[in-house]
Amino acid sequence: KNTVYLQMNSLKPEDTAVYYCQANR
């Protein structure tokens, strides 16, 4: 599917942010 995922559990207030995906090669 050409997709990467981030499953986030037990979230905390300090996890508040803008989340970015990066491809690297």
PDB file of all heavy atoms in Angstrom:
ATOM      1  N   LYS A   1       0.816  -1.217   0.000  1.00  0.00           N
ATOM      2  CA  LYS A   1       0.000   0.000   0.000  1.00  0.00           C
ATOM      3  C   LYS A   1       0.852   1.270   0.000  1.00  0.00           C
ATOM      4  O   LYS A   1       0.305   2.380  -0.013  1.00  0.00           O
ATOM      5  CB  LYS A   1      -0.926   0.012   1.213  1.00  0.00           C
ATOM      6  CG  LYS A   1      -1.983  -1.092   1.189  1.00  0.00           C
ATOM      7  CD  LYS A   1      -2.905  -0.979   2.385  1.00  0.00           C
ATOM      8  CE  LYS A   1      -3.985  -2.038   2.326  1.00  0.00           C
ATOM      9  NZ  LYS A   1      -4.910  -1.954   3.495  1.00  0.00           N
ATOM     10  N   ASN A   2       2.178   1.119   0.052  1.00  0.00           N
ATOM     11  CA  ASN A   2       3.080   2.286   0.092  1.00  0.00           C
ATOM     12  C   ASN A   2       2.716   3.227   1.229  1.00  0.00           C
ATOM     13  O   ASN A   2       2.640   4.460   1.058  1.00  0.00           O
ATOM     14  CB  ASN A   2       3.065   3.050  -1.231  1.00  0.00           C
ATOM     15  CG  ASN A   2       3.749   2.298  -2.342  1.00  0.00           C
ATOM     16  OD1 ASN A   2       4.380   1.268  -2.115  1.00  0.00           O
ATOM     17  ND2 ASN A   2       3.609   2.783  -3.568  1.00  0.00           N
ATOM     18  N   THR A   3       2.496   2.645   2.388  1.00  0.00           N
ATOM     19  CA  THR A   3       2.050   3.421   3.544  1.00  0.00           C
ATOM     20  C   THR A   3       2.825   3.009   4.790  1.00  0.00           C
ATOM     21  O   THR A   3       3.079   1.817   4.993  1.00  0.00           O
ATOM     22  CB  THR A   3       0.540   3.221   3.775  1.00  0.00           C
ATOM     23  OG1 THR A   3      -0.176   3.619   2.603  1.00  0.00           O
ATOM     24  CG2 THR A   3       0.051   4.047   4.946  1.00  0.00           C
ATOM     25  N   VAL A   4       3.175   3.999   5.585  1.00  0.00           N
ATOM     26  CA  VAL A   4       3.777   3.745   6.890  1.00  0.00           C
ATOM     27  C   VAL A   4       2.823   4.271   7.951  1.00  0.00           C
ATOM     28  O   VAL A   4       2.135   5.280   7.732  1.00  0.00           O
ATOM     29  CB  VAL A   4       5.174   4.387   7.010  1.00  0.00           C
ATOM     30  CG1 VAL A   4       5.121   5.888   6.874  1.00  0.00           C
ATOM     31  CG2 VAL A   4       5.863   3.967   8.293  1.00  0.00           C
ATOM     32  N   TYR A   5       2.777   3.575   9.058  1.00  0.00           N
ATOM     33  CA  TYR A   5       1.821   3.883  10.115  1.00  0.00           C
ATOM     34  C   TYR A   5       2.544   4.139  11.437  1.00  0.00           C
ATOM     35  O   TYR A   5       3.668   3.670  11.653  1.00  0.00           O
ATOM     36  CB  TYR A   5       0.858   2.713  10.320  1.00  0.00           C
ATOM     37  CG  TYR A   5       0.096   2.299   9.093  1.00  0.00           C
ATOM     38  CD1 TYR A   5       0.606   1.320   8.245  1.00  0.00           C
ATOM     39  CD2 TYR A   5      -1.123   2.882   8.770  1.00  0.00           C
ATOM     40  CE1 TYR A   5      -0.091   0.927   7.107  1.00  0.00           C
ATOM     41  CE2 TYR A   5      -1.823   2.497   7.641  1.00  0.00           C
ATOM     42  CZ  TYR A   5      -1.299   1.516   6.815  1.00  0.00           C
ATOM     43  OH  TYR A   5      -1.995   1.140   5.695  1.00  0.00           O
ATOM     44  N   LEU A   6       1.865   4.870  12.302  1.00  0.00           N
ATOM     45  CA  LEU A   6       2.343   5.037  13.668  1.00  0.00           C
ATOM     46  C   LEU A   6       1.152   4.825  14.587  1.00  0.00           C
ATOM     47  O   LEU A   6       0.234   5.661  14.623  1.00  0.00           O
ATOM     48  CB  LEU A   6       2.955   6.417  13.898  1.00  0.00           C
ATOM     49  CG  LEU A   6       3.582   6.616  15.277  1.00  0.00           C
ATOM     50  CD1 LEU A   6       4.826   5.742  15.439  1.00  0.00           C
ATOM     51  CD2 LEU A   6       3.937   8.086  15.507  1.00  0.00           C
ATOM     52  N   GLN A   7       1.139   3.696  15.266  1.00  0.00           N
ATOM     53  CA  GLN A   7       0.103   3.412  16.247  1.00  0.00           C
ATOM     54  C   GLN A   7       0.538   4.001  17.581  1.00  0.00           C
ATOM     55  O   GLN A   7       1.605   3.656  18.093  1.00  0.00           O
ATOM     56  CB  GLN A   7      -0.111   1.910  16.388  1.00  0.00           C
ATOM     57  CG  GLN A   7      -1.134   1.519  17.439  1.00  0.00           C
ATOM     58  CD  GLN A   7      -2.538   1.965  17.072  1.00  0.00           C
ATOM     59  OE1 GLN A   7      -2.959   1.833  15.922  1.00  0.00           O
ATOM     60  NE2 GLN A   7      -3.264   2.498  18.054  1.00  0.00           N
ATOM     61  N   MET A   8      -0.265   4.895  18.107  1.00  0.00           N
ATOM     62  CA  MET A   8       0.076   5.611  19.335  1.00  0.00           C
ATOM     63  C   MET A   8      -0.946   5.262  20.410  1.00  0.00           C
ATOM     64  O   MET A   8      -2.134   5.571  20.258  1.00  0.00           O
ATOM     65  CB  MET A   8       0.104   7.118  19.090  1.00  0.00           C
ATOM     66  CG  MET A   8       1.000   7.534  17.931  1.00  0.00           C
ATOM     67  SD  MET A   8       1.168   9.320  17.784  1.00  0.00           S
ATOM     68  CE  MET A   8      -0.504   9.761  17.338  1.00  0.00           C
ATOM     69  N   ASN A   9      -0.493   4.624  21.460  1.00  0.00           N
ATOM     70  CA  ASN A   9      -1.348   4.244  22.584  1.00  0.00           C
ATOM     71  C   ASN A   9      -0.897   4.976  23.844  1.00  0.00           C
ATOM     72  O   ASN A   9       0.217   5.505  23.910  1.00  0.00           O
ATOM     73  CB  ASN A   9      -1.280   2.735  22.811  1.00  0.00           C
ATOM     74  CG  ASN A   9      -1.765   1.941  21.621  1.00  0.00           C
ATOM     75  OD1 ASN A   9      -2.634   2.387  20.866  1.00  0.00           O
ATOM     76  ND2 ASN A   9      -1.201   0.758  21.435  1.00  0.00           N
ATOM     77  N   SER A  10      -1.766   4.980  24.832  1.00  0.00           N
ATOM     78  CA  SER A  10      -1.457   5.603  26.131  1.00  0.00           C
ATOM     79  C   SER A  10      -0.908   7.017  25.934  1.00  0.00           C
ATOM     80  O   SER A  10       0.118   7.394  26.517  1.00  0.00           O
ATOM     81  CB  SER A  10      -0.456   4.747  26.909  1.00  0.00           C
ATOM     82  OG  SER A  10      -0.953   3.438  27.104  1.00  0.00           O
ATOM     83  N   LEU A  11      -1.586   7.780  25.132  1.00  0.00           N
ATOM     84  CA  LEU A  11      -1.107   9.121  24.799  1.00  0.00           C
ATOM     85  C   LEU A  11      -1.091  10.032  26.015  1.00  0.00           C
ATOM     86  O   LEU A  11      -1.958   9.939  26.904  1.00  0.00           O
ATOM     87  CB  LEU A  11      -1.962   9.712  23.684  1.00  0.00           C
ATOM     88  CG  LEU A  11      -1.631   9.163  22.296  1.00  0.00           C
ATOM     89  CD1 LEU A  11      -2.777   9.400  21.325  1.00  0.00           C
ATOM     90  CD2 LEU A  11      -0.346   9.795  21.772  1.00  0.00           C
ATOM     91  N   LYS A  12      -0.097  10.911  26.024  1.00  0.00           N
ATOM     92  CA  LYS A  12       0.102  11.856  27.108  1.00  0.00           C
ATOM     93  C   LYS A  12       0.047  13.280  26.563  1.00  0.00           C
ATOM     94  O   LYS A  12       0.323  13.491  25.368  1.00  0.00           O
ATOM     95  CB  LYS A  12       1.469  11.630  27.753  1.00  0.00           C
ATOM     96  CG  LYS A  12       1.715  10.217  28.250  1.00  0.00           C
ATOM     97  CD  LYS A  12       3.141  10.071  28.757  1.00  0.00           C
ATOM     98  CE  LYS A  12       3.409   8.640  29.237  1.00  0.00           C
ATOM     99  NZ  LYS A  12       4.800   8.490  29.731  1.00  0.00           N
ATOM    100  N   PRO A  13      -0.239  14.261  27.402  1.00  0.00           N
ATOM    101  CA  PRO A  13      -0.246  15.646  26.917  1.00  0.00           C
ATOM    102  C   PRO A  13       1.078  16.044  26.259  1.00  0.00           C
ATOM    103  O   PRO A  13       1.071  16.822  25.292  1.00  0.00           O
ATOM    104  CB  PRO A  13      -0.506  16.447  28.190  1.00  0.00           C
ATOM    105  CG  PRO A  13      -1.321  15.521  29.046  1.00  0.00           C
ATOM    106  CD  PRO A  13      -0.740  14.158  28.782  1.00  0.00           C
ATOM    107  N   GLU A  14       2.181  15.505  26.733  1.00  0.00           N
ATOM    108  CA  GLU A  14       3.480  15.848  26.151  1.00  0.00           C
ATOM    109  C   GLU A  14       3.705  15.237  24.772  1.00  0.00           C
ATOM    110  O   GLU A  14       4.704  15.546  24.121  1.00  0.00           O
ATOM    111  CB  GLU A  14       4.625  15.437  27.086  1.00  0.00           C
ATOM    112  CG  GLU A  14       4.567  14.007  27.566  1.00  0.00           C
ATOM    113  CD  GLU A  14       3.927  13.890  28.944  1.00  0.00           C
ATOM    114  OE1 GLU A  14       2.881  14.550  29.188  1.00  0.00           O
ATOM    115  OE2 GLU A  14       4.464  13.115  29.779  1.00  0.00           O
ATOM    116  N   ASP A  15       2.789  14.412  24.310  1.00  0.00           N
ATOM    117  CA  ASP A  15       2.852  13.906  22.942  1.00  0.00           C
ATOM    118  C   ASP A  15       2.244  14.891  21.939  1.00  0.00           C
ATOM    119  O   ASP A  15       2.321  14.671  20.726  1.00  0.00           O
ATOM    120  CB  ASP A  15       2.110  12.569  22.823  1.00  0.00           C
ATOM    121  CG  ASP A  15       2.765  11.452  23.621  1.00  0.00           C
ATOM    122  OD1 ASP A  15       4.004  11.358  23.601  1.00  0.00           O
ATOM    123  OD2 ASP A  15       2.030  10.683  24.269  1.00  0.00           O
ATOM    124  N   THR A  16       1.658  15.960  22.444  1.00  0.00           N
ATOM    125  CA  THR A  16       1.062  16.973  21.575  1.00  0.00           C
ATOM    126  C   THR A  16       2.121  17.602  20.687  1.00  0.00           C
ATOM    127  O   THR A  16       3.142  18.102  21.176  1.00  0.00           O
ATOM    128  CB  THR A  16       0.374  18.065  22.415  1.00  0.00           C
ATOM    129  OG1 THR A  16      -0.724  17.476  23.123  1.00  0.00           O
ATOM    130  CG2 THR A  16      -0.133  19.196  21.531  1.00  0.00           C
ATOM    131  N   ALA A  17       1.896  17.539  19.377  1.00  0.00           N
ATOM    132  CA  ALA A  17       2.867  18.055  18.410  1.00  0.00           C
ATOM    133  C   ALA A  17       2.299  17.899  17.004  1.00  0.00           C
ATOM    134  O   ALA A  17       1.271  17.249  16.814  1.00  0.00           O
ATOM    135  CB  ALA A  17       4.184  17.285  18.510  1.00  0.00           C
ATOM    136  N   VAL A  18       2.999  18.487  16.057  1.00  0.00           N
ATOM    137  CA  VAL A  18       2.750  18.169  14.656  1.00  0.00           C
ATOM    138  C   VAL A  18       3.651  16.990  14.305  1.00  0.00           C
ATOM    139  O   VAL A  18       4.863  17.035  14.568  1.00  0.00           O
ATOM    140  CB  VAL A  18       3.039  19.364  13.734  1.00  0.00           C
ATOM    141  CG1 VAL A  18       2.817  18.975  12.271  1.00  0.00           C
ATOM    142  CG2 VAL A  18       2.152  20.550  14.108  1.00  0.00           C
ATOM    143  N   TYR A  19       3.065  15.954  13.752  1.00  0.00           N
ATOM    144  CA  TYR A  19       3.797  14.739  13.405  1.00  0.00           C
ATOM    145  C   TYR A  19       4.056  14.709  11.895  1.00  0.00           C
ATOM    146  O   TYR A  19       3.135  14.905  11.094  1.00  0.00           O
ATOM    147  CB  TYR A  19       3.002  13.506  13.838  1.00  0.00           C
ATOM    148  CG  TYR A  19       3.079  13.269  15.324  1.00  0.00           C
ATOM    149  CD1 TYR A  19       2.440  14.127  16.214  1.00  0.00           C
ATOM    150  CD2 TYR A  19       3.819  12.214  15.844  1.00  0.00           C
ATOM    151  CE1 TYR A  19       2.531  13.932  17.590  1.00  0.00           C
ATOM    152  CE2 TYR A  19       3.913  12.002  17.218  1.00  0.00           C
ATOM    153  CZ  TYR A  19       3.266  12.862  18.078  1.00  0.00           C
ATOM    154  OH  TYR A  19       3.359  12.661  19.438  1.00  0.00           O
ATOM    155  N   TYR A  20       5.313  14.454  11.561  1.00  0.00           N
ATOM    156  CA  TYR A  20       5.748  14.455  10.171  1.00  0.00           C
ATOM    157  C   TYR A  20       6.290  13.082   9.772  1.00  0.00           C
ATOM    158  O   TYR A  20       6.994  12.423  10.550  1.00  0.00           O
ATOM    159  CB  TYR A  20       6.870  15.470   9.964  1.00  0.00           C
ATOM    160  CG  TYR A  20       6.493  16.890  10.229  1.00  0.00           C
ATOM    161  CD1 TYR A  20       6.646  17.457  11.489  1.00  0.00           C
ATOM    162  CD2 TYR A  20       5.989  17.699   9.212  1.00  0.00           C
ATOM    163  CE1 TYR A  20       6.313  18.773  11.736  1.00  0.00           C
ATOM    164  CE2 TYR A  20       5.661  19.024   9.454  1.00  0.00           C
ATOM    165  CZ  TYR A  20       5.818  19.548  10.709  1.00  0.00           C
ATOM    166  OH  TYR A  20       5.486  20.858  10.936  1.00  0.00           O
ATOM    167  N   CYS A  21       6.020  12.726   8.555  1.00  0.00           N
ATOM    168  CA  CYS A  21       6.534  11.507   7.955  1.00  0.00           C
ATOM    169  C   CYS A  21       7.775  11.872   7.137  1.00  0.00           C
ATOM    170  O   CYS A  21       7.802  12.916   6.472  1.00  0.00           O
ATOM    171  CB  CYS A  21       5.432  10.941   7.061  1.00  0.00           C
ATOM    172  SG  CYS A  21       5.884   9.552   6.048  1.00  0.00           S
ATOM    173  N   GLN A  22       8.798  11.010   7.193  1.00  0.00           N
ATOM    174  CA  GLN A  22      10.015  11.244   6.418  1.00  0.00           C
ATOM    175  C   GLN A  22      10.414   9.969   5.684  1.00  0.00           C
ATOM    176  O   GLN A  22      10.372   8.881   6.244  1.00  0.00           O
ATOM    177  CB  GLN A  22      11.164  11.650   7.346  1.00  0.00           C
ATOM    178  CG  GLN A  22      12.460  11.962   6.621  1.00  0.00           C
ATOM    179  CD  GLN A  22      13.684  11.710   7.497  1.00  0.00           C
ATOM    180  OE1 GLN A  22      14.015  10.565   7.810  1.00  0.00           O
ATOM    181  NE2 GLN A  22      14.344  12.776   7.883  1.00  0.00           N
ATOM    182  N   ALA A  23      10.825  10.139   4.433  1.00  0.00           N
ATOM    183  CA  ALA A  23      11.395   9.044   3.646  1.00  0.00           C
ATOM    184  C   ALA A  23      12.874   9.335   3.449  1.00  0.00           C
ATOM    185  O   ALA A  23      13.256  10.470   3.166  1.00  0.00           O
ATOM    186  CB  ALA A  23      10.695   8.928   2.310  1.00  0.00           C
ATOM    187  N   ASN A  24      13.699   8.327   3.604  1.00  0.00           N
ATOM    188  CA  ASN A  24      15.139   8.534   3.590  1.00  0.00           C
ATOM    189  C   ASN A  24      15.857   7.433   2.817  1.00  0.00           C
ATOM    190  O   ASN A  24      15.826   6.265   3.192  1.00  0.00           O
ATOM    191  CB  ASN A  24      15.656   8.570   5.039  1.00  0.00           C
ATOM    192  CG  ASN A  24      17.136   8.868   5.125  1.00  0.00           C
ATOM    193  OD1 ASN A  24      17.808   9.058   4.118  1.00  0.00           O
ATOM    194  ND2 ASN A  24      17.658   8.913   6.327  1.00  0.00           N
ATOM    195  N   ARG A  25      16.476   7.811   1.728  1.00  0.00           N
ATOM    196  CA  ARG A  25      17.412   6.935   1.037  1.00  0.00           C
ATOM    197  C   ARG A  25      18.300   7.829   0.194  1.00  0.00           C
ATOM    198  O   ARG A  25      17.961   8.157  -0.937  1.00  0.00           O
ATOM    199  CB  ARG A  25      16.703   5.914   0.151  1.00  0.00           C
ATOM    200  CG  ARG A  25      17.687   4.949  -0.498  1.00  0.00           C
ATOM    201  CD  ARG A  25      17.039   4.137  -1.583  1.00  0.00           C
ATOM    202  NE  ARG A  25      18.010   3.238  -2.217  1.00  0.00           N
ATOM    203  CZ  ARG A  25      17.842   2.686  -3.390  1.00  0.00           C
ATOM    204  NH1 ARG A  25      16.755   2.900  -4.074  1.00  0.00           N
ATOM    205  NH2 ARG A  25      18.747   1.883  -3.894  1.00  0.00           N
TER     206      ARG A  25
END
